[in-house]
């Protein structure tokens, strides 16, 4: 068969493309909701962090999860909580934000190594006490659920909710992100030389807009379509 495999590959590519567009559209919509309901979003994120910290503590006490990795994970969520100080504004050069990005990778690596290593009799309470007992290993669903809720959920929610400092409208408290003063001696808004206000934009929206702009410019340069915003060299 020659044609059917080609049809199958085409279907896989189209399905992956539609799935990517659906995820991007959902994230864009969530970012819009957060911008409209910032107070409620901050309360939900705070309670979510507290709930995950409680789950981590229960897993360490009851299910005997490794204590050191659990402490690192709980401390990481404490650092994530520090990003809510000026919610939904975030300064990309803020040490707390940079440390949060590093801790996301560290948590993923530590827990991935933990679940990919076979348990030993001295480190796992689930190890069988006799030859008639069955070794109780976590299933793929349990591991995936743990990663989705306790490792990725809060960083993902922060990524959807936070707004980059360079896209923040000058207002009370925005000096943290813009690094400037709200007003000037002539009564105009600070932070922009041309006097135009900068609109607040979430990180997800900024990323999606940047990708769309890059694709549009690349297609225009290659001659795939005509665009008014194509850069001329």
N, C-alpha and C. Protein backbone atom coordinates (compact mmCIF):
# COMPACT_ATOMS: atom_id res chain seq x y z
N UNK A 1 0.84 -1.20 0.00
CA UNK A 1 0.00 0.00 0.00
C UNK A 1 0.88 1.24 0.00
N UNK A 2 0.51 2.22 -0.83
CA UNK A 2 1.28 3.46 -0.94
C UNK A 2 0.45 4.68 -0.55
N UNK A 3 -0.81 4.69 -0.91
CA UNK A 3 -1.63 5.88 -0.69
C UNK A 3 -2.12 5.97 0.75
N UNK A 4 -2.56 4.82 1.32
CA UNK A 4 -3.12 4.83 2.67
C UNK A 4 -2.13 5.31 3.73
N UNK A 5 -0.85 4.88 3.69
CA UNK A 5 0.10 5.44 4.67
C UNK A 5 0.26 6.95 4.56
N UNK A 6 0.23 7.48 3.33
CA UNK A 6 0.32 8.93 3.15
C UNK A 6 -0.90 9.62 3.75
N UNK A 7 -2.08 9.01 3.56
CA UNK A 7 -3.29 9.57 4.17
C UNK A 7 -3.18 9.55 5.69
N UNK A 8 -2.62 8.47 6.22
CA UNK A 8 -2.45 8.38 7.67
C UNK A 8 -1.51 9.43 8.21
N UNK A 9 -0.37 9.64 7.55
CA UNK A 9 0.58 10.66 7.98
C UNK A 9 -0.04 12.06 7.89
N UNK A 10 -0.80 12.30 6.81
CA UNK A 10 -1.45 13.59 6.67
C UNK A 10 -2.46 13.83 7.79
N UNK A 11 -3.21 12.77 8.14
CA UNK A 11 -4.16 12.90 9.24
C UNK A 11 -3.49 13.19 10.57
N UNK A 12 -2.33 12.56 10.81
CA UNK A 12 -1.60 12.81 12.05
C UNK A 12 -1.13 14.27 12.12
N UNK A 13 -0.59 14.76 11.01
CA UNK A 13 -0.12 16.16 10.98
C UNK A 13 -1.28 17.12 11.17
N UNK A 14 -2.39 16.90 10.48
CA UNK A 14 -3.55 17.78 10.64
C UNK A 14 -4.12 17.71 12.04
N UNK A 15 -4.20 16.50 12.59
CA UNK A 15 -4.71 16.37 13.96
C UNK A 15 -3.84 17.07 14.97
N UNK A 16 -2.53 16.95 14.82
CA UNK A 16 -1.61 17.64 15.72
C UNK A 16 -1.75 19.16 15.58
N UNK A 17 -1.93 19.63 14.33
CA UNK A 17 -2.09 21.06 14.12
C UNK A 17 -3.37 21.59 14.75
N UNK A 18 -4.49 20.87 14.56
CA UNK A 18 -5.75 21.29 15.16
C UNK A 18 -5.69 21.24 16.68
N UNK A 19 -5.03 20.22 17.23
CA UNK A 19 -4.89 20.13 18.68
C UNK A 19 -4.07 21.30 19.23
N UNK A 20 -3.00 21.67 18.52
CA UNK A 20 -2.19 22.80 18.96
C UNK A 20 -2.98 24.09 18.91
N UNK A 21 -3.76 24.29 17.84
CA UNK A 21 -4.59 25.49 17.75
C UNK A 21 -5.65 25.53 18.84
N UNK A 22 -6.23 24.37 19.16
CA UNK A 22 -7.26 24.32 20.21
C UNK A 22 -6.66 24.68 21.57
N UNK A 23 -5.47 24.15 21.87
CA UNK A 23 -4.83 24.46 23.14
C UNK A 23 -4.47 25.94 23.22
N UNK A 24 -3.93 26.49 22.11
CA UNK A 24 -3.57 27.91 22.09
C UNK A 24 -4.80 28.79 22.26
N UNK A 25 -5.91 28.42 21.62
CA UNK A 25 -7.14 29.21 21.75
C UNK A 25 -7.67 29.16 23.19
N UNK A 26 -7.61 27.96 23.80
CA UNK A 26 -8.06 27.85 25.18
C UNK A 26 -7.22 28.68 26.14
N UNK A 27 -5.90 28.64 25.96
CA UNK A 27 -5.02 29.44 26.80
C UNK A 27 -5.27 30.93 26.59
N UNK A 28 -5.50 31.33 25.36
CA UNK A 28 -5.79 32.74 25.07
C UNK A 28 -7.06 33.19 25.77
N UNK A 29 -8.08 32.32 25.75
CA UNK A 29 -9.35 32.66 26.40
C UNK A 29 -9.18 32.72 27.92
N UNK A 30 -8.42 31.79 28.49
CA UNK A 30 -8.17 31.83 29.93
C UNK A 30 -7.42 33.10 30.33
N UNK A 31 -6.47 33.51 29.50
CA UNK A 31 -5.75 34.74 29.79
C UNK A 31 -6.68 35.95 29.78
N UNK A 32 -7.64 35.96 28.86
CA UNK A 32 -8.63 37.04 28.83
C UNK A 32 -9.47 37.06 30.10
N UNK A 33 -9.88 35.86 30.57
CA UNK A 33 -10.69 35.79 31.79
C UNK A 33 -9.91 36.29 33.00
N UNK A 34 -8.63 35.94 33.09
CA UNK A 34 -7.82 36.39 34.22
C UNK A 34 -7.66 37.90 34.21
N UNK A 35 -7.50 38.49 33.04
CA UNK A 35 -7.37 39.95 32.95
C UNK A 35 -8.64 40.65 33.41
N UNK A 36 -9.79 40.02 33.20
CA UNK A 36 -11.05 40.63 33.61
C UNK A 36 -11.37 40.39 35.07
N UNK A 37 -10.85 39.31 35.66
CA UNK A 37 -11.17 38.96 37.05
C UNK A 37 -9.86 38.69 37.81
N UNK A 38 -9.05 39.72 37.97
CA UNK A 38 -7.73 39.54 38.59
C UNK A 38 -7.83 39.22 40.08
N UNK A 39 -8.77 39.84 40.78
CA UNK A 39 -8.90 39.60 42.23
C UNK A 39 -9.30 38.16 42.49
N UNK A 40 -10.30 37.67 41.76
CA UNK A 40 -10.73 36.29 41.94
C UNK A 40 -9.63 35.32 41.53
N UNK A 41 -8.91 35.63 40.46
CA UNK A 41 -7.83 34.75 40.02
C UNK A 41 -6.73 34.66 41.07
N UNK A 42 -6.42 35.77 41.71
CA UNK A 42 -5.38 35.75 42.74
C UNK A 42 -5.81 34.90 43.93
N UNK A 43 -7.07 35.01 44.33
CA UNK A 43 -7.56 34.19 45.45
C UNK A 43 -7.52 32.71 45.10
N UNK A 44 -7.93 32.38 43.89
CA UNK A 44 -7.93 30.98 43.48
C UNK A 44 -6.51 30.42 43.42
N UNK A 45 -5.57 31.21 42.90
CA UNK A 45 -4.19 30.74 42.82
C UNK A 45 -3.59 30.56 44.22
N UNK A 46 -3.90 31.47 45.13
CA UNK A 46 -3.38 31.35 46.49
C UNK A 46 -3.91 30.09 47.17
N UNK A 47 -5.20 29.85 47.06
CA UNK A 47 -5.78 28.65 47.67
C UNK A 47 -5.29 27.39 46.98
N UNK A 48 -5.06 27.45 45.68
CA UNK A 48 -4.53 26.30 44.97
C UNK A 48 -3.14 25.94 45.47
N UNK A 49 -2.30 26.94 45.70
CA UNK A 49 -0.95 26.67 46.21
C UNK A 49 -1.02 26.06 47.60
N UNK A 50 -1.87 26.60 48.46
CA UNK A 50 -2.02 26.03 49.81
C UNK A 50 -2.52 24.58 49.75
N UNK A 51 -3.46 24.30 48.84
CA UNK A 51 -3.99 22.94 48.73
C UNK A 51 -2.92 21.97 48.26
N UNK A 52 -2.09 22.38 47.30
CA UNK A 52 -1.04 21.48 46.81
C UNK A 52 0.03 21.26 47.87
N UNK A 53 0.34 22.29 48.66
CA UNK A 53 1.28 22.12 49.77
C UNK A 53 0.74 21.11 50.77
N UNK A 54 -0.57 21.17 51.07
CA UNK A 54 -1.18 20.21 51.98
C UNK A 54 -1.12 18.79 51.41
N UNK A 55 -1.37 18.66 50.11
CA UNK A 55 -1.29 17.34 49.47
C UNK A 55 0.14 16.79 49.55
N UNK A 56 1.13 17.65 49.29
CA UNK A 56 2.52 17.22 49.39
C UNK A 56 2.86 16.74 50.80
N UNK A 57 2.39 17.46 51.80
CA UNK A 57 2.66 17.06 53.19
C UNK A 57 1.99 15.72 53.52
N UNK A 58 0.74 15.52 53.07
CA UNK A 58 0.06 14.26 53.33
C UNK A 58 0.74 13.10 52.61
N UNK A 59 1.19 13.33 51.39
CA UNK A 59 1.90 12.27 50.67
C UNK A 59 3.20 11.90 51.37
N UNK A 60 3.88 12.87 51.94
CA UNK A 60 5.13 12.58 52.64
C UNK A 60 4.88 11.85 53.95
N UNK A 61 3.78 12.19 54.65
CA UNK A 61 3.51 11.59 55.96
C UNK A 61 2.84 10.23 55.84
N UNK A 62 1.89 10.09 54.93
CA UNK A 62 1.08 8.87 54.85
C UNK A 62 1.64 7.88 53.85
N UNK A 63 1.90 8.34 52.63
CA UNK A 63 2.40 7.45 51.57
C UNK A 63 3.91 7.33 51.57
N UNK A 64 4.56 7.97 52.51
CA UNK A 64 6.03 7.89 52.67
C UNK A 64 6.78 8.30 51.41
N UNK A 65 6.35 9.41 50.80
CA UNK A 65 7.12 9.96 49.71
C UNK A 65 8.46 10.48 50.25
N UNK A 66 9.50 10.53 49.41
CA UNK A 66 10.82 10.97 49.91
C UNK A 66 10.74 12.35 50.55
N UNK A 67 11.26 12.46 51.75
CA UNK A 67 11.10 13.68 52.54
C UNK A 67 11.85 14.85 51.90
N UNK A 68 13.06 14.62 51.43
CA UNK A 68 13.86 15.72 50.90
C UNK A 68 13.21 16.32 49.64
N UNK A 69 12.76 15.45 48.73
CA UNK A 69 12.14 15.96 47.51
C UNK A 69 10.82 16.65 47.84
N UNK A 70 10.09 16.13 48.82
CA UNK A 70 8.84 16.77 49.22
C UNK A 70 9.08 18.16 49.79
N UNK A 71 10.14 18.30 50.60
CA UNK A 71 10.47 19.61 51.16
C UNK A 71 10.85 20.58 50.05
N UNK A 72 11.60 20.11 49.06
CA UNK A 72 11.97 20.96 47.93
C UNK A 72 10.72 21.39 47.16
N UNK A 73 9.78 20.49 46.97
CA UNK A 73 8.56 20.81 46.26
C UNK A 73 7.71 21.81 47.03
N UNK A 74 7.60 21.62 48.35
CA UNK A 74 6.83 22.56 49.17
C UNK A 74 7.48 23.94 49.16
N UNK A 75 8.81 23.98 49.29
CA UNK A 75 9.51 25.26 49.23
C UNK A 75 9.34 25.92 47.86
N UNK A 76 9.29 25.12 46.80
CA UNK A 76 9.09 25.68 45.46
C UNK A 76 7.74 26.37 45.36
N UNK A 77 6.72 25.76 45.94
CA UNK A 77 5.40 26.40 45.89
C UNK A 77 5.37 27.66 46.76
N UNK A 78 6.20 27.71 47.79
CA UNK A 78 6.33 28.96 48.53
C UNK A 78 6.94 30.06 47.68
N UNK A 79 7.90 29.69 46.83
CA UNK A 79 8.48 30.66 45.90
C UNK A 79 7.45 31.07 44.85
N UNK A 80 6.65 30.11 44.36
CA UNK A 80 5.60 30.45 43.41
C UNK A 80 4.64 31.47 44.01
N UNK A 81 4.36 31.31 45.31
CA UNK A 81 3.45 32.24 45.98
C UNK A 81 4.00 33.66 45.97
N UNK A 82 5.33 33.80 45.96
CA UNK A 82 5.92 35.13 45.93
C UNK A 82 5.64 35.88 44.64
N UNK A 83 5.29 35.18 43.57
CA UNK A 83 4.95 35.86 42.31
C UNK A 83 3.61 36.57 42.37
N UNK A 84 2.83 36.31 43.41
CA UNK A 84 1.51 36.94 43.53
C UNK A 84 1.58 38.26 44.29
N UNK A 85 2.76 38.73 44.62
CA UNK A 85 2.87 40.00 45.36
C UNK A 85 2.30 41.15 44.57
N UNK A 86 2.59 41.22 43.28
CA UNK A 86 2.11 42.30 42.41
C UNK A 86 1.21 41.75 41.32
N UNK A 87 0.47 40.71 41.63
CA UNK A 87 -0.38 40.05 40.65
C UNK A 87 -1.34 41.04 40.00
N UNK A 88 -1.56 40.98 38.68
CA UNK A 88 -1.01 40.01 37.72
C UNK A 88 0.25 40.49 37.01
N UNK A 89 0.94 41.47 37.59
CA UNK A 89 2.12 42.03 36.95
C UNK A 89 3.34 41.22 37.38
N UNK A 90 4.23 40.95 36.46
CA UNK A 90 5.46 40.25 36.76
C UNK A 90 6.60 40.95 36.03
N UNK A 91 7.72 41.09 36.70
CA UNK A 91 8.92 41.63 36.10
C UNK A 91 9.81 40.46 35.70
N UNK A 92 10.11 40.35 34.41
CA UNK A 92 10.82 39.18 33.91
C UNK A 92 12.23 39.06 34.47
N UNK A 93 12.77 40.14 35.02
CA UNK A 93 14.11 40.10 35.63
C UNK A 93 14.04 39.97 37.15
N UNK A 94 12.85 39.78 37.70
CA UNK A 94 12.69 39.63 39.14
C UNK A 94 13.34 38.32 39.59
N UNK A 95 14.18 38.34 40.64
CA UNK A 95 14.82 37.09 41.11
C UNK A 95 13.81 36.01 41.49
N UNK A 96 12.66 36.41 42.05
CA UNK A 96 11.65 35.41 42.42
C UNK A 96 11.10 34.72 41.18
N UNK A 97 10.85 35.48 40.13
CA UNK A 97 10.34 34.89 38.89
C UNK A 97 11.38 33.97 38.25
N UNK A 98 12.63 34.40 38.22
CA UNK A 98 13.70 33.58 37.64
C UNK A 98 13.91 32.31 38.46
N UNK A 99 13.87 32.43 39.80
CA UNK A 99 14.01 31.25 40.65
C UNK A 99 12.85 30.29 40.45
N UNK A 100 11.64 30.82 40.23
CA UNK A 100 10.49 29.96 39.97
C UNK A 100 10.68 29.15 38.69
N UNK A 101 11.21 29.78 37.66
CA UNK A 101 11.46 29.06 36.40
C UNK A 101 12.46 27.92 36.60
N UNK A 102 13.49 28.18 37.42
CA UNK A 102 14.49 27.15 37.69
C UNK A 102 13.88 26.01 38.51
N UNK A 103 13.07 26.36 39.50
CA UNK A 103 12.48 25.34 40.37
C UNK A 103 11.49 24.44 39.64
N UNK A 104 10.83 24.96 38.61
CA UNK A 104 9.95 24.11 37.82
C UNK A 104 10.73 22.96 37.19
N UNK A 105 11.88 23.27 36.61
CA UNK A 105 12.72 22.25 36.00
C UNK A 105 13.30 21.31 37.05
N UNK A 106 13.72 21.85 38.19
CA UNK A 106 14.30 21.03 39.25
C UNK A 106 13.26 20.04 39.78
N UNK A 107 12.04 20.53 40.04
CA UNK A 107 10.98 19.65 40.53
C UNK A 107 10.68 18.54 39.54
N UNK A 108 10.57 18.90 38.27
CA UNK A 108 10.28 17.88 37.26
C UNK A 108 11.38 16.82 37.23
N UNK A 109 12.63 17.24 37.28
CA UNK A 109 13.74 16.29 37.22
C UNK A 109 13.75 15.38 38.45
N UNK A 110 13.57 15.94 39.64
CA UNK A 110 13.63 15.15 40.87
C UNK A 110 12.52 14.11 40.92
N UNK A 111 11.30 14.53 40.61
CA UNK A 111 10.19 13.59 40.68
C UNK A 111 10.23 12.58 39.54
N UNK A 112 10.70 12.99 38.38
CA UNK A 112 10.84 12.03 37.28
C UNK A 112 11.87 10.95 37.65
N UNK A 113 12.98 11.36 38.24
CA UNK A 113 13.98 10.38 38.65
C UNK A 113 13.45 9.49 39.76
N UNK A 114 12.64 10.03 40.66
CA UNK A 114 12.08 9.23 41.74
C UNK A 114 11.15 8.14 41.21
N UNK A 115 10.24 8.51 40.31
CA UNK A 115 9.26 7.54 39.82
C UNK A 115 9.87 6.57 38.81
N UNK A 116 10.97 6.95 38.17
CA UNK A 116 11.59 6.05 37.22
C UNK A 116 12.57 5.09 37.87
N UNK A 117 12.85 5.24 39.16
CA UNK A 117 13.75 4.35 39.89
C UNK A 117 12.95 3.30 40.64
N UNK A 118 13.35 2.06 40.54
CA UNK A 118 12.65 0.98 41.24
C UNK A 118 12.81 1.13 42.75
N UNK A 119 11.74 0.90 43.53
CA UNK A 119 11.83 1.05 44.98
C UNK A 119 12.72 -0.02 45.60
N UNK A 120 13.35 0.34 46.69
CA UNK A 120 14.21 -0.59 47.44
C UNK A 120 13.54 -0.96 48.76
N UNK A 121 13.92 -2.07 49.39
CA UNK A 121 13.28 -2.47 50.65
C UNK A 121 13.45 -1.45 51.76
N UNK A 122 14.54 -0.69 51.75
CA UNK A 122 14.79 0.24 52.84
C UNK A 122 14.16 1.59 52.63
N UNK A 123 13.74 1.93 51.40
CA UNK A 123 13.24 3.27 51.13
C UNK A 123 11.76 3.31 50.80
N UNK A 124 11.11 2.19 50.63
CA UNK A 124 9.71 2.19 50.24
C UNK A 124 8.89 1.36 51.21
N UNK A 125 7.79 1.99 51.69
CA UNK A 125 6.90 1.25 52.57
C UNK A 125 6.01 0.29 51.79
N UNK A 126 6.00 0.41 50.46
CA UNK A 126 5.17 -0.47 49.65
C UNK A 126 5.90 -1.74 49.27
N UNK A 127 7.12 -1.89 49.69
CA UNK A 127 7.87 -3.09 49.34
C UNK A 127 7.27 -4.29 50.08
N UNK A 128 7.09 -5.41 49.41
CA UNK A 128 6.43 -6.57 50.05
C UNK A 128 7.25 -7.13 51.20
N UNK A 129 6.55 -7.53 52.26
CA UNK A 129 7.21 -8.09 53.44
C UNK A 129 7.47 -9.58 53.30
N UNK A 130 6.85 -10.25 52.33
CA UNK A 130 7.08 -11.67 52.10
C UNK A 130 6.98 -11.95 50.61
N UNK A 131 7.31 -13.17 50.23
CA UNK A 131 7.29 -13.52 48.81
C UNK A 131 5.87 -13.62 48.28
N UNK A 132 4.86 -13.70 49.18
CA UNK A 132 3.48 -13.80 48.76
C UNK A 132 2.84 -12.43 48.54
N UNK A 133 3.50 -11.40 49.02
CA UNK A 133 2.98 -10.05 48.82
C UNK A 133 3.40 -9.55 47.44
N UNK A 134 2.54 -8.75 46.86
CA UNK A 134 2.79 -8.17 45.55
C UNK A 134 3.36 -6.77 45.69
N UNK A 135 4.39 -6.46 44.92
CA UNK A 135 4.99 -5.14 44.95
C UNK A 135 4.00 -4.12 44.37
N UNK A 136 3.61 -3.16 45.19
CA UNK A 136 2.61 -2.17 44.79
C UNK A 136 3.31 -0.96 44.20
N UNK A 137 3.26 -0.87 42.89
CA UNK A 137 3.88 0.25 42.18
C UNK A 137 2.81 1.23 41.73
N UNK A 138 3.11 2.52 41.71
CA UNK A 138 2.12 3.50 41.21
C UNK A 138 1.88 3.29 39.72
N UNK A 139 0.63 3.42 39.34
CA UNK A 139 0.26 3.25 37.94
C UNK A 139 0.61 4.50 37.13
N UNK A 140 0.52 4.36 35.82
CA UNK A 140 0.81 5.51 34.96
C UNK A 140 -0.18 6.64 35.21
N UNK A 141 -1.45 6.29 35.46
CA UNK A 141 -2.46 7.32 35.74
C UNK A 141 -2.13 8.09 37.01
N UNK A 142 -1.69 7.38 38.05
CA UNK A 142 -1.32 8.05 39.30
C UNK A 142 -0.12 8.97 39.11
N UNK A 143 0.88 8.50 38.38
CA UNK A 143 2.08 9.32 38.16
C UNK A 143 1.74 10.54 37.32
N UNK A 144 0.98 10.34 36.25
CA UNK A 144 0.60 11.47 35.40
C UNK A 144 -0.26 12.48 36.16
N UNK A 145 -1.17 11.98 37.00
CA UNK A 145 -2.00 12.89 37.80
C UNK A 145 -1.16 13.66 38.80
N UNK A 146 -0.17 13.00 39.40
CA UNK A 146 0.68 13.69 40.35
C UNK A 146 1.48 14.80 39.66
N UNK A 147 2.05 14.49 38.50
CA UNK A 147 2.80 15.52 37.78
C UNK A 147 1.89 16.67 37.35
N UNK A 148 0.68 16.32 36.89
CA UNK A 148 -0.21 17.37 36.42
C UNK A 148 -0.70 18.28 37.53
N UNK A 149 -0.95 17.74 38.72
CA UNK A 149 -1.52 18.53 39.82
C UNK A 149 -0.43 19.14 40.70
N UNK A 150 0.53 18.33 41.12
CA UNK A 150 1.49 18.77 42.13
C UNK A 150 2.77 19.36 41.56
N UNK A 151 3.04 19.18 40.29
CA UNK A 151 4.28 19.69 39.71
C UNK A 151 4.03 20.78 38.69
N UNK A 152 3.09 20.58 37.79
CA UNK A 152 2.91 21.48 36.65
C UNK A 152 1.76 22.46 36.80
N UNK A 153 0.78 22.17 37.65
CA UNK A 153 -0.46 22.96 37.65
C UNK A 153 -0.22 24.42 38.04
N UNK A 154 0.48 24.65 39.14
CA UNK A 154 0.70 26.03 39.60
C UNK A 154 1.58 26.82 38.62
N UNK A 155 2.73 26.29 38.16
CA UNK A 155 3.50 27.05 37.17
C UNK A 155 2.71 27.33 35.89
N UNK A 156 1.91 26.37 35.45
CA UNK A 156 1.09 26.58 34.26
C UNK A 156 0.06 27.66 34.50
N UNK A 157 -0.60 27.65 35.68
CA UNK A 157 -1.59 28.68 36.00
C UNK A 157 -0.95 30.06 36.10
N UNK A 158 0.25 30.13 36.66
CA UNK A 158 0.96 31.41 36.73
C UNK A 158 1.33 31.91 35.34
N UNK A 159 1.75 31.00 34.48
CA UNK A 159 2.11 31.40 33.11
C UNK A 159 0.90 31.97 32.37
N UNK A 160 -0.27 31.40 32.60
CA UNK A 160 -1.47 31.89 31.96
C UNK A 160 -1.92 33.23 32.56
N UNK A 161 -1.70 33.41 33.86
CA UNK A 161 -2.28 34.55 34.58
C UNK A 161 -1.40 35.79 34.56
N UNK A 162 -0.08 35.63 34.67
CA UNK A 162 0.79 36.78 34.84
C UNK A 162 0.92 37.57 33.54
N UNK A 163 1.19 38.86 33.70
CA UNK A 163 1.38 39.76 32.58
C UNK A 163 2.80 40.28 32.60
N UNK A 164 3.44 40.31 31.43
CA UNK A 164 4.80 40.80 31.34
C UNK A 164 4.84 42.29 31.62
N UNK A 165 5.93 42.75 32.25
CA UNK A 165 6.03 44.13 32.67
C UNK A 165 6.03 45.10 31.52
N UNK A 166 6.59 44.73 30.37
CA UNK A 166 6.67 45.66 29.26
C UNK A 166 5.34 45.84 28.56
N UNK A 167 4.31 45.05 28.95
CA UNK A 167 2.99 45.18 28.33
C UNK A 167 1.96 45.72 29.30
N UNK A 168 2.39 46.38 30.39
CA UNK A 168 1.49 46.82 31.44
C UNK A 168 1.11 48.27 31.20
N UNK A 169 -0.19 48.55 31.36
CA UNK A 169 -0.68 49.92 31.27
C UNK A 169 -0.18 50.71 32.48
N UNK A 170 0.43 51.88 32.30
CA UNK A 170 0.89 52.68 33.44
C UNK A 170 -0.25 53.03 34.36
N UNK A 171 -0.14 52.63 35.62
CA UNK A 171 -1.19 52.88 36.61
C UNK A 171 -0.56 52.81 37.98
N UNK A 172 -1.40 52.91 39.00
CA UNK A 172 -0.91 52.83 40.37
C UNK A 172 -0.32 51.45 40.63
N UNK A 173 0.93 51.38 41.06
CA UNK A 173 1.58 50.12 41.36
C UNK A 173 2.32 49.52 40.20
N UNK A 174 2.20 50.11 39.00
CA UNK A 174 2.89 49.54 37.84
C UNK A 174 4.35 49.92 37.79
N UNK A 175 4.82 50.78 38.72
CA UNK A 175 6.23 51.14 38.73
C UNK A 175 7.11 49.92 38.97
N UNK A 176 6.56 48.90 39.65
CA UNK A 176 7.33 47.68 39.90
C UNK A 176 7.76 47.03 38.60
N UNK A 177 6.84 46.99 37.61
CA UNK A 177 7.12 46.30 36.36
C UNK A 177 7.82 47.20 35.35
N UNK A 178 7.41 48.47 35.29
CA UNK A 178 7.95 49.36 34.27
C UNK A 178 9.25 50.01 34.69
N UNK A 179 9.50 50.11 36.01
CA UNK A 179 10.73 50.73 36.48
C UNK A 179 10.72 52.23 36.39
N UNK A 180 9.56 52.84 36.15
CA UNK A 180 9.48 54.29 36.04
C UNK A 180 8.44 54.86 36.97
N UNK A 181 8.19 56.16 36.87
CA UNK A 181 7.22 56.84 37.69
C UNK A 181 5.90 56.94 36.94
N UNK A 182 4.85 57.06 37.71
CA UNK A 182 3.52 57.11 37.10
C UNK A 182 3.30 58.41 36.36
N UNK A 183 3.72 59.51 36.90
CA UNK A 183 3.48 60.79 36.28
C UNK A 183 4.75 61.59 36.15
N UNK A 184 4.71 62.62 35.31
CA UNK A 184 5.83 63.50 35.12
C UNK A 184 5.42 64.91 35.49
N UNK A 185 6.37 65.82 35.41
CA UNK A 185 6.12 67.18 35.84
C UNK A 185 5.09 67.88 34.95
N UNK A 186 4.95 67.47 33.69
CA UNK A 186 3.99 68.11 32.80
C UNK A 186 2.63 67.43 32.80
N UNK A 187 2.46 66.46 33.72
CA UNK A 187 1.16 65.82 33.88
C UNK A 187 0.92 64.65 32.97
N UNK A 188 1.86 64.29 32.14
CA UNK A 188 1.69 63.15 31.24
C UNK A 188 2.12 61.88 31.92
N UNK A 189 1.71 60.77 31.36
CA UNK A 189 2.05 59.48 31.93
C UNK A 189 3.49 59.16 31.62
N UNK A 190 4.20 58.60 32.61
CA UNK A 190 5.58 58.21 32.41
C UNK A 190 5.68 56.84 31.82
N UNK A 191 6.93 56.46 31.44
CA UNK A 191 7.17 55.13 30.92
C UNK A 191 7.09 55.03 29.43
N UNK A 192 6.71 56.10 28.72
CA UNK A 192 6.65 56.02 27.27
C UNK A 192 7.01 57.35 26.66
N UNK A 193 7.97 57.41 25.78
CA UNK A 193 8.43 58.66 25.23
C UNK A 193 7.41 59.32 24.32
N UNK A 194 6.56 58.55 23.67
CA UNK A 194 5.59 59.14 22.76
C UNK A 194 4.26 59.40 23.41
N UNK A 195 4.14 59.15 24.72
CA UNK A 195 2.92 59.47 25.44
C UNK A 195 1.82 58.46 25.24
N UNK A 196 2.05 57.42 24.50
CA UNK A 196 1.01 56.41 24.27
C UNK A 196 1.02 55.39 25.39
N UNK A 197 -0.16 55.04 25.89
CA UNK A 197 -0.29 54.07 26.98
C UNK A 197 -0.06 52.67 26.47
N UNK A 198 0.60 51.88 27.25
CA UNK A 198 0.84 50.49 26.90
C UNK A 198 -0.21 49.61 27.53
N UNK A 199 -0.79 48.75 26.75
CA UNK A 199 -1.89 47.91 27.21
C UNK A 199 -1.36 46.66 27.87
N UNK A 200 -2.02 46.25 28.97
CA UNK A 200 -1.62 45.04 29.68
C UNK A 200 -1.90 43.82 28.82
N UNK A 201 -0.95 42.90 28.78
CA UNK A 201 -1.08 41.70 27.97
C UNK A 201 -0.45 40.54 28.72
N UNK A 202 -1.19 39.44 28.82
CA UNK A 202 -0.69 38.27 29.52
C UNK A 202 0.46 37.62 28.77
N UNK A 203 1.22 36.78 29.50
CA UNK A 203 2.35 36.10 28.88
C UNK A 203 1.90 35.18 27.75
N UNK A 204 0.78 34.50 27.94
CA UNK A 204 0.28 33.61 26.88
C UNK A 204 -0.11 34.41 25.65
N UNK A 205 -0.84 35.51 25.85
CA UNK A 205 -1.25 36.33 24.72
C UNK A 205 -0.05 36.92 24.01
N UNK A 206 0.95 37.36 24.79
CA UNK A 206 2.16 37.91 24.18
C UNK A 206 2.89 36.85 23.36
N UNK A 207 2.95 35.61 23.89
CA UNK A 207 3.62 34.53 23.16
C UNK A 207 2.88 34.17 21.88
N UNK A 208 1.54 34.08 21.97
CA UNK A 208 0.74 33.75 20.79
C UNK A 208 0.86 34.84 19.74
N UNK A 209 0.77 36.11 20.17
CA UNK A 209 0.89 37.21 19.22
C UNK A 209 2.27 37.24 18.56
N UNK A 210 3.30 36.93 19.34
CA UNK A 210 4.66 36.91 18.77
C UNK A 210 4.81 35.81 17.73
N UNK A 211 4.23 34.63 18.01
CA UNK A 211 4.31 33.52 17.04
C UNK A 211 3.55 33.87 15.77
N UNK A 212 2.35 34.45 15.93
CA UNK A 212 1.57 34.84 14.75
C UNK A 212 2.31 35.88 13.93
N UNK A 213 2.93 36.85 14.60
CA UNK A 213 3.67 37.88 13.88
C UNK A 213 4.86 37.29 13.14
N UNK A 214 5.59 36.36 13.79
CA UNK A 214 6.74 35.74 13.13
C UNK A 214 6.31 34.93 11.92
N UNK A 215 5.22 34.17 12.06
CA UNK A 215 4.74 33.37 10.93
C UNK A 215 4.30 34.28 9.79
N UNK A 216 3.61 35.38 10.13
CA UNK A 216 3.17 36.30 9.09
C UNK A 216 4.33 36.95 8.36
N UNK A 217 5.35 37.38 9.11
CA UNK A 217 6.50 38.01 8.47
C UNK A 217 7.29 37.00 7.63
N UNK A 218 7.44 35.78 8.16
CA UNK A 218 8.19 34.76 7.40
C UNK A 218 7.46 34.40 6.11
N UNK A 219 6.14 34.25 6.18
CA UNK A 219 5.38 33.95 4.97
C UNK A 219 5.43 35.08 3.97
N UNK A 220 5.40 36.32 4.46
CA UNK A 220 5.49 37.46 3.55
C UNK A 220 6.84 37.56 2.87
N UNK A 221 7.91 37.28 3.64
CA UNK A 221 9.25 37.34 3.05
C UNK A 221 9.44 36.25 2.01
N UNK A 222 8.90 35.05 2.29
CA UNK A 222 9.03 33.93 1.34
C UNK A 222 8.09 34.05 0.16
N UNK A 223 7.17 35.03 0.20
CA UNK A 223 6.24 35.23 -0.90
C UNK A 223 5.03 34.34 -0.86
N UNK A 224 4.76 33.70 0.32
CA UNK A 224 3.59 32.83 0.41
C UNK A 224 2.30 33.63 0.44
N UNK A 225 2.34 34.83 0.99
CA UNK A 225 1.18 35.72 0.99
C UNK A 225 1.67 37.15 1.10
N UNK A 226 0.78 38.06 0.87
CA UNK A 226 1.10 39.47 0.93
C UNK A 226 0.66 40.04 2.26
N UNK A 227 1.54 40.80 2.90
CA UNK A 227 1.22 41.38 4.20
C UNK A 227 1.67 42.83 4.25
N UNK A 228 0.92 43.62 5.03
CA UNK A 228 1.24 45.04 5.16
C UNK A 228 2.35 45.28 6.18
N UNK A 229 2.63 44.29 7.06
CA UNK A 229 3.59 44.49 8.13
C UNK A 229 4.87 43.70 7.91
N UNK A 230 5.13 43.35 6.67
CA UNK A 230 6.35 42.61 6.38
C UNK A 230 7.52 43.55 6.39
N UNK A 231 8.58 43.17 7.08
CA UNK A 231 9.77 44.02 7.16
C UNK A 231 10.53 43.98 5.83
N UNK A 232 10.93 45.13 5.38
CA UNK A 232 11.68 45.22 4.14
C UNK A 232 13.15 45.42 4.48
N UNK A 233 14.01 44.66 3.85
CA UNK A 233 15.45 44.72 4.11
C UNK A 233 16.13 45.50 2.99
